[in-house]
N, C-alpha and C. Protein backbone atom coordinates (compact mmCIF):
# COMPACT_ATOMS: atom_id res chain seq x y z
N MET A 1 -8.77 -71.85 199.96
CA MET A 1 -9.13 -70.67 200.76
C MET A 1 -8.06 -69.60 200.59
N VAL A 2 -8.50 -68.36 200.41
CA VAL A 2 -7.58 -67.24 200.23
C VAL A 2 -7.17 -66.70 201.58
N ARG A 3 -5.87 -66.54 201.77
CA ARG A 3 -5.35 -66.00 203.02
C ARG A 3 -5.67 -64.52 203.10
N GLN A 4 -6.22 -64.08 204.20
CA GLN A 4 -6.52 -62.67 204.40
C GLN A 4 -5.31 -61.97 205.01
N VAL A 5 -4.96 -60.82 204.46
CA VAL A 5 -3.78 -60.09 204.93
C VAL A 5 -4.18 -58.66 205.24
N ARG A 6 -3.73 -58.21 206.39
CA ARG A 6 -3.88 -56.79 206.74
C ARG A 6 -2.54 -56.12 206.41
N PHE A 7 -2.63 -54.95 205.80
CA PHE A 7 -1.39 -54.23 205.48
C PHE A 7 -1.66 -52.74 205.41
N LYS A 8 -0.74 -52.01 206.01
CA LYS A 8 -0.73 -50.54 205.91
C LYS A 8 0.73 -50.11 205.98
N CYS A 9 1.16 -49.36 204.98
CA CYS A 9 2.53 -48.85 205.00
C CYS A 9 2.67 -47.85 206.14
N ILE A 10 3.63 -48.10 207.03
CA ILE A 10 3.84 -47.19 208.17
C ILE A 10 5.08 -46.32 207.95
N GLN A 11 5.61 -46.34 206.73
CA GLN A 11 6.74 -45.51 206.33
C GLN A 11 7.96 -45.68 207.23
N CYS A 12 8.28 -46.96 207.50
CA CYS A 12 9.45 -47.26 208.33
C CYS A 12 10.74 -47.23 207.52
N GLY A 13 10.64 -47.43 206.20
CA GLY A 13 11.82 -47.43 205.33
C GLY A 13 12.58 -48.75 205.30
N ASN A 14 12.12 -49.76 206.04
CA ASN A 14 12.84 -51.04 206.08
C ASN A 14 13.01 -51.66 204.70
N CYS A 15 11.97 -51.62 203.88
CA CYS A 15 12.05 -52.24 202.56
C CYS A 15 13.03 -51.50 201.66
N CYS A 16 13.22 -50.23 201.91
CA CYS A 16 14.13 -49.40 201.10
C CYS A 16 15.58 -49.48 201.58
N GLU A 17 15.77 -50.03 202.78
CA GLU A 17 17.12 -50.11 203.35
C GLU A 17 17.75 -51.47 203.19
N ASP A 18 17.04 -52.44 202.65
CA ASP A 18 17.54 -53.80 202.54
C ASP A 18 18.76 -53.84 201.62
N LYS A 19 19.90 -54.16 202.20
CA LYS A 19 21.16 -54.16 201.46
C LYS A 19 21.24 -55.26 200.41
N ASN A 20 20.47 -56.33 200.58
CA ASN A 20 20.55 -57.49 199.70
C ASN A 20 19.52 -57.48 198.58
N SER A 21 18.70 -56.47 198.52
CA SER A 21 17.67 -56.40 197.48
C SER A 21 17.98 -55.29 196.50
N ILE A 22 17.67 -55.55 195.24
CA ILE A 22 17.79 -54.52 194.21
C ILE A 22 16.41 -54.34 193.62
N ILE A 23 15.98 -53.11 193.50
CA ILE A 23 14.66 -52.81 192.94
C ILE A 23 14.78 -52.87 191.42
N THR A 24 14.23 -53.92 190.84
CA THR A 24 14.24 -54.06 189.38
C THR A 24 13.17 -53.14 188.80
N ILE A 25 13.43 -52.67 187.59
CA ILE A 25 12.52 -51.71 186.99
C ILE A 25 12.13 -52.13 185.58
N THR A 26 10.97 -51.62 185.17
CA THR A 26 10.43 -51.88 183.83
C THR A 26 10.55 -50.62 182.98
N HIS A 27 10.14 -50.75 181.72
CA HIS A 27 10.10 -49.61 180.81
C HIS A 27 9.18 -48.51 181.35
N LYS A 28 8.05 -48.90 181.93
CA LYS A 28 7.11 -47.90 182.46
C LYS A 28 7.66 -47.23 183.70
N ASP A 29 8.47 -47.95 184.49
CA ASP A 29 9.12 -47.34 185.65
C ASP A 29 10.06 -46.23 185.18
N ILE A 30 10.78 -46.49 184.10
CA ILE A 30 11.70 -45.49 183.55
C ILE A 30 10.91 -44.24 183.16
N ILE A 31 9.80 -44.43 182.48
CA ILE A 31 8.97 -43.30 182.06
C ILE A 31 8.41 -42.56 183.27
N ARG A 32 7.93 -43.32 184.27
CA ARG A 32 7.40 -42.67 185.49
C ARG A 32 8.48 -41.83 186.16
N LEU A 33 9.69 -42.39 186.25
CA LEU A 33 10.78 -41.67 186.92
C LEU A 33 11.22 -40.44 186.14
N VAL A 34 11.34 -40.58 184.82
CA VAL A 34 11.71 -39.42 183.99
C VAL A 34 10.68 -38.30 184.16
N ASN A 35 9.41 -38.66 184.13
CA ASN A 35 8.36 -37.65 184.28
C ASN A 35 8.34 -37.05 185.68
N PHE A 36 8.51 -37.90 186.70
CA PHE A 36 8.48 -37.40 188.08
C PHE A 36 9.68 -36.51 188.37
N LEU A 37 10.87 -36.96 187.97
CA LEU A 37 12.09 -36.22 188.27
C LEU A 37 12.33 -35.06 187.31
N LYS A 38 11.57 -35.03 186.21
CA LYS A 38 11.74 -34.00 185.18
C LYS A 38 13.19 -33.95 184.71
N CYS A 39 13.70 -35.14 184.38
CA CYS A 39 15.07 -35.25 183.91
C CYS A 39 15.06 -35.98 182.56
N ASP A 40 16.21 -36.03 181.92
CA ASP A 40 16.27 -36.79 180.67
C ASP A 40 16.81 -38.19 180.97
N PHE A 41 16.84 -39.04 179.94
CA PHE A 41 17.24 -40.42 180.13
C PHE A 41 18.70 -40.54 180.55
N LYS A 42 19.57 -39.69 179.99
CA LYS A 42 20.99 -39.76 180.35
C LYS A 42 21.19 -39.47 181.83
N GLU A 43 20.49 -38.46 182.34
CA GLU A 43 20.61 -38.12 183.76
C GLU A 43 20.06 -39.25 184.62
N LEU A 44 18.94 -39.82 184.20
CA LEU A 44 18.35 -40.94 184.95
C LEU A 44 19.34 -42.09 185.04
N LEU A 45 19.98 -42.43 183.91
CA LEU A 45 20.94 -43.53 183.90
C LEU A 45 22.20 -43.21 184.69
N SER A 46 22.67 -42.00 184.61
CA SER A 46 23.93 -41.67 185.28
C SER A 46 23.77 -41.53 186.80
N LYS A 47 22.58 -41.16 187.27
CA LYS A 47 22.41 -40.90 188.70
C LYS A 47 21.59 -41.95 189.45
N TYR A 48 20.61 -42.54 188.80
CA TYR A 48 19.61 -43.30 189.55
C TYR A 48 19.44 -44.77 189.15
N ILE A 49 19.84 -45.15 187.95
CA ILE A 49 19.60 -46.50 187.46
C ILE A 49 20.93 -47.16 187.12
N GLY A 50 21.02 -48.45 187.42
CA GLY A 50 22.22 -49.20 187.10
C GLY A 50 21.90 -50.48 186.34
N PHE A 51 22.88 -50.98 185.60
CA PHE A 51 22.78 -52.29 184.96
C PHE A 51 23.49 -53.27 185.88
N TYR A 52 22.79 -54.30 186.29
CA TYR A 52 23.34 -55.32 187.18
C TYR A 52 23.54 -56.61 186.40
N GLN A 53 24.79 -57.06 186.34
CA GLN A 53 25.12 -58.27 185.58
C GLN A 53 24.46 -59.49 186.22
N VAL A 54 24.07 -60.44 185.37
CA VAL A 54 23.40 -61.66 185.81
C VAL A 54 24.23 -62.86 185.42
N ARG A 55 24.52 -63.71 186.38
CA ARG A 55 25.19 -64.97 186.03
C ARG A 55 24.16 -65.87 185.36
N GLU A 56 24.61 -66.55 184.34
CA GLU A 56 23.73 -67.36 183.50
C GLU A 56 22.89 -68.34 184.31
N GLU A 57 23.47 -68.94 185.34
CA GLU A 57 22.73 -69.94 186.12
C GLU A 57 21.58 -69.35 186.94
N PHE A 58 21.55 -68.02 187.09
CA PHE A 58 20.48 -67.38 187.84
C PHE A 58 19.40 -66.75 186.96
N GLU A 59 19.62 -66.74 185.64
CA GLU A 59 18.67 -66.09 184.75
C GLU A 59 17.26 -66.67 184.83
N GLU A 60 17.16 -67.96 185.03
CA GLU A 60 15.84 -68.62 185.09
C GLU A 60 15.02 -68.13 186.29
N ARG A 61 15.69 -67.64 187.32
CA ARG A 61 14.99 -67.18 188.53
C ARG A 61 14.44 -65.76 188.41
N LEU A 62 14.89 -65.04 187.41
CA LEU A 62 14.49 -63.64 187.27
C LEU A 62 13.02 -63.52 186.87
N VAL A 63 12.32 -62.61 187.51
CA VAL A 63 10.94 -62.29 187.11
C VAL A 63 10.99 -61.48 185.82
N PHE A 64 11.93 -60.55 185.75
CA PHE A 64 12.12 -59.73 184.56
C PHE A 64 13.19 -60.37 183.69
N PRO A 65 13.04 -60.30 182.37
CA PRO A 65 14.01 -60.95 181.49
C PRO A 65 15.36 -60.24 181.50
N ALA A 66 16.42 -61.02 181.23
CA ALA A 66 17.76 -60.45 181.15
C ALA A 66 17.91 -59.68 179.84
N ILE A 67 18.64 -58.59 179.89
CA ILE A 67 18.88 -57.71 178.75
C ILE A 67 20.28 -57.98 178.22
N SER A 68 20.40 -58.18 176.90
CA SER A 68 21.72 -58.38 176.29
C SER A 68 22.47 -57.06 176.25
N THR A 69 23.67 -57.04 176.81
CA THR A 69 24.53 -55.86 176.74
C THR A 69 25.90 -56.31 176.28
N PHE A 70 26.76 -55.37 175.96
CA PHE A 70 28.10 -55.73 175.49
C PHE A 70 28.94 -56.35 176.60
N LYS A 71 28.51 -56.22 177.86
CA LYS A 71 29.23 -56.84 178.98
C LYS A 71 28.59 -58.15 179.42
N GLY A 72 27.55 -58.58 178.73
CA GLY A 72 26.83 -59.79 179.11
C GLY A 72 25.40 -59.46 179.50
N ASN A 73 24.66 -60.45 179.94
CA ASN A 73 23.26 -60.23 180.31
C ASN A 73 23.15 -59.48 181.63
N ALA A 74 22.14 -58.62 181.71
CA ALA A 74 21.97 -57.77 182.87
C ALA A 74 20.50 -57.47 183.08
N PHE A 75 20.20 -56.86 184.21
CA PHE A 75 18.86 -56.32 184.42
C PHE A 75 19.01 -54.89 184.93
N LEU A 76 17.98 -54.12 184.76
CA LEU A 76 17.98 -52.73 185.21
C LEU A 76 17.41 -52.63 186.61
N GLY A 77 18.06 -51.83 187.45
CA GLY A 77 17.56 -51.63 188.80
C GLY A 77 17.97 -50.27 189.33
N LEU A 78 17.31 -49.87 190.41
CA LEU A 78 17.67 -48.61 191.04
C LEU A 78 19.05 -48.74 191.70
N ARG A 79 19.79 -47.66 191.63
CA ARG A 79 21.10 -47.65 192.29
C ARG A 79 20.92 -47.63 193.80
N LYS A 80 22.01 -47.93 194.48
CA LYS A 80 22.01 -47.93 195.94
C LYS A 80 23.03 -46.92 196.44
N LYS A 81 22.75 -46.40 197.63
CA LYS A 81 23.72 -45.53 198.29
C LYS A 81 24.82 -46.40 198.89
N SER A 82 25.87 -45.79 199.39
CA SER A 82 26.99 -46.54 199.96
C SER A 82 26.58 -47.39 201.16
N ASP A 83 25.52 -47.02 201.85
CA ASP A 83 25.06 -47.82 203.00
C ASP A 83 24.12 -48.96 202.58
N GLY A 84 23.87 -49.10 201.28
CA GLY A 84 23.03 -50.18 200.78
C GLY A 84 21.57 -49.82 200.63
N SER A 85 21.18 -48.63 201.02
CA SER A 85 19.77 -48.22 200.91
C SER A 85 19.49 -47.67 199.51
N CYS A 86 18.23 -47.58 199.17
CA CYS A 86 17.80 -47.07 197.87
C CYS A 86 18.25 -45.63 197.66
N VAL A 87 18.62 -45.33 196.45
CA VAL A 87 19.08 -44.00 196.08
C VAL A 87 18.03 -42.92 196.38
N PHE A 88 16.76 -43.31 196.42
CA PHE A 88 15.68 -42.33 196.65
C PHE A 88 15.20 -42.25 198.10
N LEU A 89 15.81 -43.00 199.01
CA LEU A 89 15.38 -42.97 200.41
C LEU A 89 16.02 -41.80 201.14
N LYS A 90 15.18 -41.00 201.78
CA LYS A 90 15.68 -39.87 202.57
C LYS A 90 14.79 -39.73 203.79
N ASP A 91 15.38 -39.81 204.98
CA ASP A 91 14.64 -39.71 206.25
C ASP A 91 13.48 -40.71 206.29
N ASN A 92 13.74 -41.94 205.88
CA ASN A 92 12.76 -43.04 205.85
C ASN A 92 11.61 -42.82 204.89
N LEU A 93 11.71 -41.84 204.03
CA LEU A 93 10.65 -41.58 203.06
C LEU A 93 11.21 -41.66 201.64
N CYS A 94 10.36 -42.09 200.72
CA CYS A 94 10.74 -42.17 199.32
C CYS A 94 10.59 -40.78 198.69
N GLU A 95 11.67 -40.31 198.11
CA GLU A 95 11.63 -39.00 197.46
C GLU A 95 10.85 -39.03 196.15
N THR A 96 10.56 -40.22 195.64
CA THR A 96 9.84 -40.34 194.37
C THR A 96 8.54 -41.13 194.56
N TYR A 97 7.92 -41.00 195.71
CA TYR A 97 6.80 -41.88 196.08
C TYR A 97 5.74 -42.00 194.98
N THR A 98 5.28 -40.89 194.43
CA THR A 98 4.23 -40.99 193.39
C THR A 98 4.78 -41.47 192.06
N GLY A 99 6.09 -41.46 191.88
CA GLY A 99 6.70 -41.96 190.65
C GLY A 99 7.51 -43.22 190.87
N ARG A 100 7.32 -43.86 192.02
CA ARG A 100 8.15 -45.02 192.38
C ARG A 100 7.89 -46.22 191.46
N PRO A 101 8.88 -47.12 191.36
CA PRO A 101 8.74 -48.28 190.49
C PRO A 101 7.63 -49.24 190.92
N MET A 102 7.23 -50.07 189.98
CA MET A 102 6.16 -51.04 190.19
C MET A 102 6.45 -51.99 191.35
N VAL A 103 7.71 -52.45 191.46
CA VAL A 103 8.06 -53.36 192.55
C VAL A 103 7.79 -52.70 193.90
N CYS A 104 8.09 -51.42 194.01
CA CYS A 104 7.84 -50.69 195.26
C CYS A 104 6.33 -50.51 195.49
N ARG A 105 5.61 -50.24 194.41
CA ARG A 105 4.16 -50.07 194.51
C ARG A 105 3.48 -51.34 195.00
N SER A 106 4.02 -52.48 194.61
CA SER A 106 3.37 -53.75 194.95
C SER A 106 3.82 -54.32 196.30
N PHE A 107 4.90 -53.81 196.87
CA PHE A 107 5.39 -54.35 198.13
C PHE A 107 4.30 -54.26 199.20
N PRO A 108 4.09 -55.32 199.96
CA PRO A 108 4.85 -56.55 200.15
C PRO A 108 4.35 -57.73 199.32
N PHE A 109 3.53 -57.45 198.31
CA PHE A 109 2.90 -58.53 197.53
C PHE A 109 3.69 -58.86 196.27
N ILE A 110 3.59 -60.11 195.84
CA ILE A 110 4.11 -60.55 194.55
C ILE A 110 2.97 -61.22 193.80
N PHE A 111 3.04 -61.17 192.49
CA PHE A 111 1.99 -61.73 191.65
C PHE A 111 2.63 -62.58 190.55
N GLU A 112 1.92 -63.62 190.15
CA GLU A 112 2.35 -64.42 189.00
C GLU A 112 1.14 -65.13 188.42
N VAL A 113 1.31 -65.54 187.18
CA VAL A 113 0.26 -66.31 186.52
C VAL A 113 0.73 -67.75 186.46
N LYS A 114 -0.09 -68.66 187.01
CA LYS A 114 0.20 -70.09 186.99
C LYS A 114 -0.95 -70.80 186.32
N LYS A 115 -0.64 -71.50 185.23
CA LYS A 115 -1.66 -72.25 184.48
C LYS A 115 -2.87 -71.38 184.16
N GLY A 116 -2.61 -70.14 183.77
CA GLY A 116 -3.68 -69.24 183.36
C GLY A 116 -4.38 -68.51 184.50
N TRP A 117 -3.99 -68.78 185.73
CA TRP A 117 -4.63 -68.15 186.88
C TRP A 117 -3.67 -67.19 187.56
N LEU A 118 -4.17 -66.02 187.92
CA LEU A 118 -3.38 -65.04 188.66
C LEU A 118 -3.31 -65.47 190.12
N SER A 119 -2.11 -65.53 190.65
CA SER A 119 -1.97 -65.83 192.07
C SER A 119 -1.12 -64.76 192.72
N TRP A 120 -1.23 -64.66 194.01
CA TRP A 120 -0.45 -63.67 194.75
C TRP A 120 0.09 -64.28 196.04
N GLY A 121 1.09 -63.63 196.57
CA GLY A 121 1.68 -64.04 197.84
C GLY A 121 2.46 -62.87 198.41
N LEU A 122 3.21 -63.13 199.45
CA LEU A 122 4.04 -62.09 200.06
C LEU A 122 5.48 -62.29 199.60
N MET A 123 6.19 -61.19 199.41
CA MET A 123 7.60 -61.26 199.04
C MET A 123 8.36 -62.02 200.13
N ALA A 124 9.44 -62.64 199.73
CA ALA A 124 10.19 -63.53 200.62
C ALA A 124 10.52 -62.89 201.97
N LYS A 125 11.02 -61.69 201.98
CA LYS A 125 11.46 -61.06 203.22
C LYS A 125 10.38 -60.21 203.89
N ALA A 126 9.23 -60.12 203.27
CA ALA A 126 8.21 -59.18 203.76
C ALA A 126 7.88 -59.37 205.23
N GLU A 127 7.64 -60.61 205.64
CA GLU A 127 7.22 -60.83 207.02
C GLU A 127 8.31 -60.50 208.02
N GLU A 128 9.58 -60.61 207.63
CA GLU A 128 10.63 -60.28 208.59
C GLU A 128 11.00 -58.79 208.59
N ILE A 129 10.77 -58.07 207.50
CA ILE A 129 11.20 -56.65 207.48
C ILE A 129 10.06 -55.64 207.51
N CYS A 130 8.81 -56.08 207.35
CA CYS A 130 7.71 -55.13 207.20
C CYS A 130 6.77 -55.12 208.41
N PRO A 131 6.92 -54.14 209.30
CA PRO A 131 6.01 -54.04 210.44
C PRO A 131 4.61 -53.55 210.05
N GLY A 132 4.42 -53.18 208.78
CA GLY A 132 3.10 -52.77 208.30
C GLY A 132 2.17 -53.95 208.05
N LEU A 133 2.74 -55.16 207.95
CA LEU A 133 1.91 -56.36 207.81
C LEU A 133 1.20 -56.60 209.14
N GLY A 134 -0.08 -56.85 209.03
CA GLY A 134 -0.88 -57.03 210.24
C GLY A 134 -1.51 -55.73 210.72
N GLN A 135 -1.14 -54.61 210.09
CA GLN A 135 -1.68 -53.29 210.43
C GLN A 135 -2.81 -52.92 209.46
N GLY A 136 -3.64 -52.00 209.84
CA GLY A 136 -4.67 -51.48 208.94
C GLY A 136 -5.76 -52.48 208.63
N GLU A 137 -6.45 -52.21 207.52
CA GLU A 137 -7.57 -53.05 207.10
C GLU A 137 -7.09 -54.23 206.28
N GLU A 138 -7.97 -55.23 206.15
CA GLU A 138 -7.67 -56.36 205.28
C GLU A 138 -7.59 -55.88 203.84
N VAL A 139 -6.62 -56.38 203.12
CA VAL A 139 -6.50 -56.06 201.71
C VAL A 139 -7.49 -56.98 200.98
N SER A 140 -8.38 -56.38 200.23
CA SER A 140 -9.42 -57.17 199.59
C SER A 140 -8.87 -57.98 198.42
N GLU A 141 -9.46 -59.15 198.22
CA GLU A 141 -9.06 -60.01 197.11
C GLU A 141 -9.29 -59.29 195.78
N LYS A 142 -10.36 -58.50 195.72
CA LYS A 142 -10.69 -57.77 194.49
C LYS A 142 -9.60 -56.74 194.15
N SER A 143 -9.12 -56.01 195.16
CA SER A 143 -8.07 -55.01 194.89
C SER A 143 -6.75 -55.68 194.53
N LEU A 144 -6.45 -56.83 195.16
CA LEU A 144 -5.24 -57.57 194.80
C LEU A 144 -5.33 -58.09 193.37
N GLU A 145 -6.49 -58.58 192.99
CA GLU A 145 -6.68 -59.09 191.62
C GLU A 145 -6.50 -57.97 190.60
N LYS A 146 -7.12 -56.83 190.86
CA LYS A 146 -7.02 -55.69 189.93
C LYS A 146 -5.56 -55.23 189.80
N PHE A 147 -4.90 -55.08 190.93
CA PHE A 147 -3.52 -54.62 190.93
C PHE A 147 -2.61 -55.66 190.28
N GLY A 148 -2.85 -56.93 190.59
CA GLY A 148 -2.06 -58.00 190.01
C GLY A 148 -2.16 -58.05 188.50
N LYS A 149 -3.36 -57.84 187.97
CA LYS A 149 -3.55 -57.83 186.51
C LYS A 149 -2.77 -56.69 185.87
N GLU A 150 -2.81 -55.51 186.49
CA GLU A 150 -2.06 -54.36 185.96
C GLU A 150 -0.57 -54.67 185.93
N ILE A 151 -0.08 -55.27 187.00
CA ILE A 151 1.34 -55.60 187.09
C ILE A 151 1.73 -56.63 186.04
N MET A 152 0.92 -57.64 185.87
CA MET A 152 1.25 -58.69 184.90
C MET A 152 1.23 -58.15 183.47
N ILE A 153 0.34 -57.22 183.18
CA ILE A 153 0.32 -56.58 181.85
C ILE A 153 1.62 -55.81 181.64
N GLU A 154 2.05 -55.05 182.66
CA GLU A 154 3.28 -54.28 182.55
C GLU A 154 4.50 -55.20 182.37
N ILE A 155 4.55 -56.28 183.12
CA ILE A 155 5.67 -57.22 183.00
C ILE A 155 5.68 -57.87 181.62
N GLU A 156 4.51 -58.23 181.11
CA GLU A 156 4.44 -58.86 179.78
C GLU A 156 4.90 -57.88 178.69
N GLU A 157 4.48 -56.61 178.79
CA GLU A 157 4.96 -55.59 177.84
C GLU A 157 6.48 -55.49 177.90
N TYR A 158 7.00 -55.47 179.12
CA TYR A 158 8.45 -55.35 179.31
C TYR A 158 9.17 -56.54 178.69
N ARG A 159 8.64 -57.74 178.90
CA ARG A 159 9.25 -58.94 178.31
C ARG A 159 9.32 -58.83 176.79
N LYS A 160 8.24 -58.35 176.18
CA LYS A 160 8.21 -58.21 174.72
C LYS A 160 9.25 -57.21 174.24
N ILE A 161 9.39 -56.10 174.96
CA ILE A 161 10.36 -55.08 174.57
C ILE A 161 11.78 -55.61 174.69
N VAL A 162 12.07 -56.30 175.81
CA VAL A 162 13.41 -56.85 176.00
C VAL A 162 13.69 -57.93 174.96
N LYS A 163 12.70 -58.75 174.65
CA LYS A 163 12.88 -59.78 173.62
C LYS A 163 13.20 -59.11 172.28
N TYR A 164 12.49 -58.04 171.95
CA TYR A 164 12.74 -57.29 170.72
C TYR A 164 14.18 -56.76 170.73
N TRP A 165 14.58 -56.14 171.84
CA TRP A 165 15.93 -55.59 171.96
C TRP A 165 16.97 -56.68 171.79
N ASN A 166 16.81 -57.78 172.50
CA ASN A 166 17.79 -58.86 172.45
C ASN A 166 17.91 -59.48 171.05
N ARG A 167 16.81 -59.52 170.33
CA ARG A 167 16.80 -60.12 169.00
C ARG A 167 17.34 -59.16 167.93
N HIS A 168 17.11 -57.85 168.10
CA HIS A 168 17.45 -56.88 167.05
C HIS A 168 18.62 -55.97 167.38
N ARG A 169 19.25 -56.16 168.51
CA ARG A 169 20.32 -55.23 168.88
C ARG A 169 21.49 -55.34 167.90
N LYS A 170 22.12 -54.22 167.72
CA LYS A 170 23.30 -54.14 166.87
C LYS A 170 24.43 -53.57 167.72
N VAL A 171 25.61 -53.57 167.20
CA VAL A 171 26.75 -53.08 167.96
C VAL A 171 26.49 -51.67 168.48
N GLU A 172 25.93 -50.81 167.62
CA GLU A 172 25.71 -49.42 168.03
C GLU A 172 24.57 -49.29 169.04
N GLN A 173 23.75 -50.34 169.19
CA GLN A 173 22.65 -50.29 170.14
C GLN A 173 23.06 -50.71 171.54
N GLN A 174 24.31 -50.96 171.75
CA GLN A 174 24.73 -51.40 173.07
C GLN A 174 24.87 -50.25 174.05
N ASP A 175 24.63 -49.05 173.59
CA ASP A 175 24.63 -47.87 174.45
C ASP A 175 23.38 -47.91 175.33
N PRO A 176 23.52 -47.81 176.65
CA PRO A 176 22.36 -47.87 177.54
C PRO A 176 21.30 -46.80 177.26
N VAL A 177 21.73 -45.65 176.79
CA VAL A 177 20.75 -44.60 176.49
C VAL A 177 19.85 -45.05 175.34
N LEU A 178 20.44 -45.72 174.33
CA LEU A 178 19.62 -46.23 173.23
C LEU A 178 18.65 -47.31 173.70
N LEU A 179 19.08 -48.14 174.63
CA LEU A 179 18.20 -49.15 175.18
C LEU A 179 17.00 -48.48 175.86
N VAL A 180 17.27 -47.49 176.68
CA VAL A 180 16.19 -46.79 177.38
C VAL A 180 15.27 -46.10 176.38
N MET A 181 15.84 -45.52 175.34
CA MET A 181 15.02 -44.90 174.30
C MET A 181 14.13 -45.94 173.62
N THR A 182 14.65 -47.16 173.42
CA THR A 182 13.85 -48.24 172.85
C THR A 182 12.68 -48.56 173.76
N PHE A 183 12.93 -48.62 175.06
CA PHE A 183 11.85 -48.86 176.02
C PHE A 183 10.77 -47.79 175.87
N PHE A 184 11.22 -46.54 175.79
CA PHE A 184 10.29 -45.43 175.72
C PHE A 184 9.48 -45.49 174.43
N GLU A 185 10.15 -45.72 173.31
CA GLU A 185 9.45 -45.78 172.02
C GLU A 185 8.46 -46.93 171.97
N LYS A 186 8.87 -48.11 172.42
CA LYS A 186 7.99 -49.28 172.40
C LYS A 186 6.82 -49.09 173.35
N ALA A 187 7.05 -48.47 174.49
CA ALA A 187 5.97 -48.23 175.45
C ALA A 187 4.94 -47.27 174.86
N ASN A 188 5.41 -46.26 174.16
CA ASN A 188 4.49 -45.32 173.53
C ASN A 188 3.67 -45.98 172.42
N VAL A 189 4.30 -46.88 171.66
CA VAL A 189 3.59 -47.59 170.61
C VAL A 189 2.51 -48.48 171.22
N SER A 190 2.85 -49.24 172.27
CA SER A 190 1.86 -50.15 172.86
C SER A 190 0.74 -49.38 173.55
N SER A 191 1.02 -48.23 174.17
CA SER A 191 -0.04 -47.47 174.83
C SER A 191 -0.94 -46.79 173.82
N SER A 192 -0.40 -46.39 172.65
CA SER A 192 -1.26 -45.76 171.64
C SER A 192 -2.17 -46.79 170.98
N ARG A 193 -1.72 -48.06 170.90
CA ARG A 193 -2.56 -49.13 170.35
C ARG A 193 -3.71 -49.47 171.28
N SER A 194 -3.48 -49.34 172.59
CA SER A 194 -4.51 -49.74 173.55
C SER A 194 -5.56 -48.67 173.75
N THR A 195 -5.36 -47.47 173.22
CA THR A 195 -6.36 -46.41 173.38
C THR A 195 -7.31 -46.35 172.21
């Protein structure tokens, strides 16, 4: 039996203020943010995105694959302000709402494929930090399935790009701007093939 969930974002900002969470991002998130902010990749990296080092024993737990860098394996995520809140949070509202990352778009839901089947659930902290759960209308299984499939396609594309980067990187490719450019180029190639 599928659990029925009511959810409506009430714009409380709790999910954006969590000091212990880092919003991981994909290649498409980078493109969405560059387009929304109308900035270049260097500005995006210097102001809004950070590389977070990963200890080897935790790599298996990552939803997104670790990226090889000259400082060790890392993942890309949104930077945080000094108070631990998201760099884009202002007055409990997201300054990049229409360009926000996939993880933010999917909150409070998580999706994964198990034995060929798409499954969904609630993020670990969702029930304790999200007063929007239990509000609004029931989220339909059909809309969760559609959204989950889109997310899994994006994650799979990202995995392929990171695998390519990790396998083909050279000393000169250890520059984060080149990595982001690789994401952009590979994303454009995969989107042109699908049209």
